[in-house]
Amino acid sequence: MVKIKLVRHGAKRAPFYKVIATDSRYAGDGKALERLGFYNPSARGQEVKLNLNVEAIEAWVAKGAQVSERVSKLLKENSKAAATPAA
C-alpha cells in the first residue's frame, strides 16, 4: 500500500519535512517513490513554509494511496492559502 507522509530532515531544533509517497513496507525514512513537496515549520520572513505538488498528490490518491493525518491538514492549509489573495 502506498502512503503519502512526512519524513523529517534538518538539524537538531531545526526541523524540515519532505512530503513523499512511499510503500508502507519500507522503513520510515526509507526509499521514496516520489517527492511531493516540503514543509518548513520554522520558516521566517520571505522563506517558503509549505510547497506541495497538489496535482501529483491527487494522482496518487486516485491510484489508492492513503494520506497521513498531518499531510491532509497541510493540504487543507495549502488550499486556504491559495484561496486568499496575497496582499
Protein backbone atom coordinates (compact mmCIF):
# COMPACT_ATOMS: atom_id res chain seq x y z
CA MET A 1 0.00 0.00 0.00
CA VAL A 2 1.25 3.48 -0.87
CA LYS A 3 1.19 6.18 1.81
CA ILE A 4 1.75 9.90 1.49
CA LYS A 5 3.52 11.10 4.60
CA LEU A 6 6.11 13.45 6.10
CA VAL A 7 9.75 12.46 6.56
CA ARG A 8 11.86 14.57 8.90
CA HIS A 9 15.13 16.10 7.74
CA GLY A 10 17.16 19.01 9.05
CA ALA A 11 19.31 19.63 12.06
CA LYS A 12 18.53 19.37 15.73
CA ARG A 13 15.94 22.01 16.72
CA ALA A 14 15.60 22.99 13.04
CA PRO A 15 13.05 20.59 11.56
CA PHE A 16 12.40 20.34 7.84
CA TYR A 17 9.97 17.81 6.40
CA LYS A 18 9.66 16.30 2.95
CA VAL A 19 6.26 15.12 1.75
CA ILE A 20 6.76 11.80 -0.01
CA ALA A 21 4.85 8.89 -1.49
CA THR A 22 6.27 5.62 -0.22
CA ASP A 23 5.40 1.97 0.08
CA SER A 24 4.21 1.20 3.61
CA ARG A 25 6.53 -1.82 3.73
CA TYR A 26 9.64 0.39 3.62
CA ALA A 27 11.24 1.80 6.74
CA GLY A 28 10.06 5.20 7.99
CA ASP A 29 12.97 7.02 6.39
CA GLY A 30 13.38 4.54 3.57
CA LYS A 31 13.04 4.72 -0.17
CA ALA A 32 10.53 7.22 -1.58
CA LEU A 33 8.55 6.56 -4.75
CA GLU A 34 8.16 10.29 -5.40
CA ARG A 35 8.88 13.56 -3.60
CA LEU A 36 5.70 15.63 -3.49
CA GLY A 37 6.77 18.77 -1.68
CA PHE A 38 8.11 20.09 1.60
CA TYR A 39 7.04 21.69 4.88
CA ASN A 40 9.28 24.06 6.83
CA PRO A 41 7.59 24.84 10.18
CA SER A 42 10.40 27.19 11.26
CA ALA A 43 10.25 29.41 8.14
CA ARG A 44 10.81 33.10 8.81
CA GLY A 45 10.42 36.19 6.70
CA GLN A 46 10.26 35.50 2.98
CA GLU A 47 11.08 31.78 3.31
CA VAL A 48 8.52 29.37 1.88
CA LYS A 49 6.75 27.47 4.64
CA LEU A 50 4.77 24.97 2.57
CA ASN A 51 5.18 23.77 -1.01
CA LEU A 52 3.02 20.90 -2.25
CA ASN A 53 2.55 19.38 -5.70
CA VAL A 54 -1.23 19.04 -5.34
CA GLU A 55 -1.72 17.51 -8.80
CA ALA A 56 0.73 14.70 -8.03
CA ILE A 57 -0.85 14.09 -4.62
CA GLU A 58 -4.31 13.86 -6.19
CA ALA A 59 -2.95 11.45 -8.81
CA TRP A 60 -1.54 9.18 -6.08
CA VAL A 61 -4.82 9.32 -4.12
CA ALA A 62 -6.72 8.38 -7.29
CA LYS A 63 -4.49 5.31 -7.55
CA GLY A 64 -5.39 4.31 -3.96
CA ALA A 65 -2.71 5.96 -1.83
CA GLN A 66 -3.56 6.85 1.75
CA VAL A 67 -2.75 10.32 3.05
CA SER A 68 -1.45 10.69 6.60
CA GLU A 69 -3.39 12.83 9.05
CA ARG A 70 -0.79 15.62 9.13
CA VAL A 71 -0.43 15.76 5.34
CA SER A 72 -4.22 16.06 4.98
CA LYS A 73 -4.14 19.04 7.38
CA LEU A 74 -1.33 20.59 5.33
CA LEU A 75 -3.37 20.11 2.14
CA LYS A 76 -6.28 21.99 3.72
CA GLU A 77 -3.91 24.73 4.87
CA ASN A 78 -2.45 24.95 1.37
CA SER A 79 -5.89 25.23 -0.25
CA LYS A 80 -6.89 28.01 2.19
CA ALA A 81 -3.68 29.90 1.44
CA ALA A 82 -4.29 29.55 -2.30
CA ALA A 83 -7.89 30.78 -1.94
CA THR A 84 -6.94 34.00 -0.14
CA PRO A 85 -5.32 36.60 -2.40
CA ALA A 86 -1.84 37.75 -1.43
CA ALA A 87 -1.90 41.40 -0.44
